[in-house]
Each structure stands twice: as structure tokens, then as C-alpha cells.
Amino acid sequence: MTVLAVFRSRAHTLAYAAALRAAGVPVQTVSTPKEAGVGCGISAKFEEAFLPRAKKTLAVRPYSSFAGFMQSGGFSRF
């Protein structure tokens, strides 16, 4: 399953994606779906298997604009 990390700041999205890459997470920046109802227009997309590492990266580098993680396919927040 694919996970999106949604932010309200484009700069934070890009910085987070770079931090994930540095942590060894294969990540892409993609358009944020309208169903998310928040965001700057882009999100960081990665596979659910990397979610623990993504959460750890977020804990080390907290971003004030972080809106949440969402699963694609239903875009439910978790």
C-alpha cells in the first residue's frame, strides 16, 4: 500500500522527502489528491513498509506544517 505524507508547506514537503532519501527510503514527490483536503499541492509518497522509518525521520525533524499520513486508495488518515 502507498502512503502519502501531507504537508501544508511545499518547502517542508521537499525537505522531508530529502530527509527520507537520506534515510534510505525510496520516495517521490507527487500531487496531493483533492480528497486530502489539506496541503500545498505536493506530498511525499512511499511504500507502507517504510512507514516506521518515515515516522522516525519525522520525529527527528518535526515540521510544523505536517498534516498527517494518508493511505492511497481511500486516503484515510492514520
N, C-alpha and C. Protein backbone atom coordinates (compact mmCIF):
# COMPACT_ATOMS: atom_id res chain seq x y z
N MET A 1 0.85 -1.18 0.00
CA MET A 1 0.00 0.00 0.00
C MET A 1 0.90 1.24 0.00
N THR A 2 0.46 2.25 -0.68
CA THR A 2 1.20 3.51 -0.77
C THR A 2 0.76 4.46 0.33
N VAL A 3 1.71 5.19 0.89
CA VAL A 3 1.44 6.18 1.93
C VAL A 3 1.85 7.55 1.41
N LEU A 4 1.06 8.55 1.75
CA LEU A 4 1.40 9.94 1.46
C LEU A 4 1.65 10.68 2.76
N ALA A 5 2.71 11.44 2.81
CA ALA A 5 2.95 12.37 3.92
C ALA A 5 2.52 13.73 3.41
N VAL A 6 1.49 14.29 4.03
CA VAL A 6 0.88 15.53 3.55
C VAL A 6 1.32 16.69 4.44
N PHE A 7 1.72 17.76 3.80
CA PHE A 7 2.18 18.96 4.49
C PHE A 7 1.41 20.17 3.97
N ARG A 8 1.40 21.23 4.76
CA ARG A 8 0.81 22.50 4.34
C ARG A 8 1.84 23.42 3.71
N SER A 9 3.08 22.99 3.68
CA SER A 9 4.18 23.79 3.15
C SER A 9 4.93 23.01 2.08
N ARG A 10 5.08 23.61 0.93
CA ARG A 10 5.82 22.98 -0.16
C ARG A 10 7.29 22.77 0.24
N ALA A 11 7.88 23.77 0.90
CA ALA A 11 9.28 23.68 1.33
C ALA A 11 9.47 22.53 2.32
N HIS A 12 8.52 22.35 3.24
CA HIS A 12 8.61 21.26 4.21
C HIS A 12 8.48 19.90 3.52
N THR A 13 7.61 19.80 2.52
CA THR A 13 7.45 18.55 1.78
C THR A 13 8.77 18.17 1.11
N LEU A 14 9.38 19.13 0.46
CA LEU A 14 10.64 18.86 -0.24
C LEU A 14 11.76 18.52 0.74
N ALA A 15 11.81 19.21 1.87
CA ALA A 15 12.83 18.93 2.88
C ALA A 15 12.63 17.53 3.48
N TYR A 16 11.38 17.17 3.73
CA TYR A 16 11.08 15.86 4.29
C TYR A 16 11.44 14.75 3.29
N ALA A 17 11.11 14.95 2.03
CA ALA A 17 11.46 13.96 1.01
C ALA A 17 12.97 13.78 0.94
N ALA A 18 13.72 14.85 1.04
CA ALA A 18 15.19 14.75 1.04
C ALA A 18 15.67 13.99 2.27
N ALA A 19 15.06 14.25 3.43
CA ALA A 19 15.44 13.54 4.66
C ALA A 19 15.12 12.05 4.54
N LEU A 20 13.99 11.72 3.92
CA LEU A 20 13.65 10.31 3.72
C LEU A 20 14.67 9.64 2.80
N ARG A 21 15.04 10.31 1.73
CA ARG A 21 16.04 9.74 0.82
C ARG A 21 17.35 9.48 1.56
N ALA A 22 17.75 10.43 2.41
CA ALA A 22 18.97 10.27 3.19
C ALA A 22 18.87 9.10 4.16
N ALA A 23 17.65 8.77 4.59
CA ALA A 23 17.41 7.65 5.50
C ALA A 23 17.21 6.34 4.73
N GLY A 24 17.37 6.38 3.41
CA GLY A 24 17.26 5.17 2.61
C GLY A 24 15.85 4.79 2.18
N VAL A 25 14.93 5.73 2.26
CA VAL A 25 13.55 5.46 1.86
C VAL A 25 13.35 5.90 0.41
N PRO A 26 12.91 5.00 -0.46
CA PRO A 26 12.59 5.41 -1.82
C PRO A 26 11.32 6.26 -1.79
N VAL A 27 11.42 7.50 -2.18
CA VAL A 27 10.30 8.45 -2.05
C VAL A 27 10.17 9.26 -3.33
N GLN A 28 8.94 9.65 -3.60
CA GLN A 28 8.65 10.54 -4.73
C GLN A 28 7.81 11.70 -4.22
N THR A 29 7.94 12.84 -4.86
CA THR A 29 7.00 13.92 -4.58
C THR A 29 5.93 13.87 -5.65
N VAL A 30 4.68 13.93 -5.20
CA VAL A 30 3.53 13.79 -6.09
C VAL A 30 2.49 14.86 -5.75
N SER A 31 1.57 15.05 -6.65
CA SER A 31 0.46 15.97 -6.38
C SER A 31 -0.40 15.44 -5.25
N THR A 32 -0.76 16.31 -4.33
CA THR A 32 -1.65 15.93 -3.24
C THR A 32 -3.06 15.79 -3.79
N PRO A 33 -3.72 14.66 -3.53
CA PRO A 33 -5.09 14.48 -4.01
C PRO A 33 -6.04 15.48 -3.35
N LYS A 34 -7.03 15.90 -4.08
CA LYS A 34 -8.02 16.83 -3.52
C LYS A 34 -8.74 16.23 -2.33
N GLU A 35 -8.87 14.90 -2.31
CA GLU A 35 -9.55 14.23 -1.20
C GLU A 35 -8.85 14.45 0.13
N ALA A 36 -7.58 14.83 0.08
CA ALA A 36 -6.83 15.07 1.32
C ALA A 36 -7.38 16.30 2.04
N GLY A 37 -7.86 17.25 1.29
CA GLY A 37 -8.46 18.44 1.90
C GLY A 37 -7.48 19.38 2.56
N VAL A 38 -6.19 19.13 2.46
CA VAL A 38 -5.16 19.99 3.02
C VAL A 38 -3.95 19.95 2.12
N GLY A 39 -3.03 20.79 2.39
CA GLY A 39 -1.75 20.66 1.72
C GLY A 39 -1.39 21.82 0.82
N CYS A 40 -0.21 21.70 0.32
CA CYS A 40 0.37 22.74 -0.52
C CYS A 40 0.34 22.36 -1.98
N GLY A 41 -0.17 21.19 -2.27
CA GLY A 41 -0.21 20.74 -3.65
C GLY A 41 0.70 19.57 -3.93
N ILE A 42 1.73 19.35 -3.07
CA ILE A 42 2.58 18.17 -3.25
C ILE A 42 2.72 17.42 -1.93
N SER A 43 2.91 16.13 -2.05
CA SER A 43 3.09 15.26 -0.89
C SER A 43 4.28 14.34 -1.16
N ALA A 44 4.78 13.73 -0.09
CA ALA A 44 5.84 12.73 -0.21
C ALA A 44 5.17 11.35 -0.25
N LYS A 45 5.50 10.57 -1.26
CA LYS A 45 4.87 9.25 -1.46
C LYS A 45 5.92 8.16 -1.29
N PHE A 46 5.56 7.13 -0.50
CA PHE A 46 6.46 6.00 -0.27
C PHE A 46 5.62 4.78 0.07
N GLU A 47 6.26 3.63 0.09
CA GLU A 47 5.55 2.38 0.40
C GLU A 47 5.38 2.22 1.91
N GLU A 48 4.28 1.59 2.29
CA GLU A 48 3.92 1.43 3.70
C GLU A 48 5.00 0.70 4.50
N ALA A 49 5.76 -0.16 3.87
CA ALA A 49 6.83 -0.89 4.57
C ALA A 49 7.85 0.07 5.19
N PHE A 50 7.95 1.29 4.64
CA PHE A 50 8.90 2.27 5.15
C PHE A 50 8.27 3.23 6.16
N LEU A 51 7.02 3.01 6.53
CA LEU A 51 6.34 3.92 7.46
C LEU A 51 7.06 4.08 8.80
N PRO A 52 7.55 3.00 9.43
CA PRO A 52 8.27 3.20 10.70
C PRO A 52 9.49 4.12 10.54
N ARG A 53 10.23 3.95 9.47
CA ARG A 53 11.39 4.80 9.23
C ARG A 53 10.95 6.25 8.93
N ALA A 54 9.85 6.38 8.21
CA ALA A 54 9.33 7.72 7.90
C ALA A 54 8.88 8.44 9.17
N LYS A 55 8.24 7.70 10.08
CA LYS A 55 7.81 8.31 11.35
C LYS A 55 9.01 8.70 12.20
N LYS A 56 10.03 7.87 12.20
CA LYS A 56 11.25 8.18 12.95
C LYS A 56 11.92 9.43 12.39
N THR A 57 11.98 9.53 11.08
CA THR A 57 12.56 10.71 10.43
C THR A 57 11.77 11.96 10.80
N LEU A 58 10.46 11.84 10.85
CA LEU A 58 9.61 12.97 11.22
C LEU A 58 9.82 13.36 12.68
N ALA A 59 10.05 12.39 13.55
CA ALA A 59 10.26 12.68 14.97
C ALA A 59 11.57 13.44 15.19
N VAL A 60 12.57 13.11 14.38
CA VAL A 60 13.87 13.77 14.50
C VAL A 60 13.82 15.19 13.94
N ARG A 61 13.01 15.35 12.90
CA ARG A 61 12.89 16.65 12.22
C ARG A 61 11.42 17.03 12.16
N PRO A 62 10.86 17.51 13.26
CA PRO A 62 9.43 17.85 13.23
C PRO A 62 9.17 19.07 12.33
N TYR A 63 8.12 18.99 11.55
CA TYR A 63 7.73 20.07 10.66
C TYR A 63 6.37 20.59 11.11
N SER A 64 6.28 21.88 11.37
CA SER A 64 5.04 22.47 11.88
C SER A 64 3.89 22.37 10.88
N SER A 65 4.20 22.18 9.61
CA SER A 65 3.14 22.13 8.60
C SER A 65 2.68 20.71 8.29
N PHE A 66 3.20 19.72 9.02
CA PHE A 66 2.82 18.33 8.76
C PHE A 66 1.34 18.14 9.08
N ALA A 67 0.57 17.62 8.10
CA ALA A 67 -0.87 17.42 8.28
C ALA A 67 -1.23 15.98 8.60
N GLY A 68 -0.37 15.03 8.26
CA GLY A 68 -0.63 13.64 8.57
C GLY A 68 -0.22 12.69 7.47
N PHE A 69 -0.26 11.40 7.80
CA PHE A 69 -0.01 10.35 6.82
C PHE A 69 -1.36 9.87 6.30
N MET A 70 -1.40 9.57 5.03
CA MET A 70 -2.63 9.08 4.42
C MET A 70 -2.31 7.87 3.54
N GLN A 71 -3.20 6.92 3.54
CA GLN A 71 -3.06 5.76 2.65
C GLN A 71 -3.79 6.08 1.35
N SER A 72 -3.16 5.78 0.24
CA SER A 72 -3.84 5.94 -1.03
C SER A 72 -4.84 4.81 -1.19
N GLY A 73 -5.77 5.01 -2.04
CA GLY A 73 -6.80 4.01 -2.23
C GLY A 73 -8.07 4.36 -1.48
N GLY A 74 -7.99 5.20 -0.52
CA GLY A 74 -9.13 5.65 0.26
C GLY A 74 -8.78 6.95 0.94
N PHE A 75 -7.49 7.26 0.92
CA PHE A 75 -6.98 8.47 1.52
C PHE A 75 -7.46 8.64 2.95
N SER A 76 -7.38 7.55 3.72
CA SER A 76 -7.74 7.62 5.13
C SER A 76 -6.49 8.01 5.92
N ARG A 77 -6.67 8.92 6.84
CA ARG A 77 -5.54 9.35 7.69
C ARG A 77 -5.28 8.32 8.76
N PHE A 78 -4.02 8.22 9.13
CA PHE A 78 -3.65 7.34 10.25
C PHE A 78 -2.41 7.87 10.91
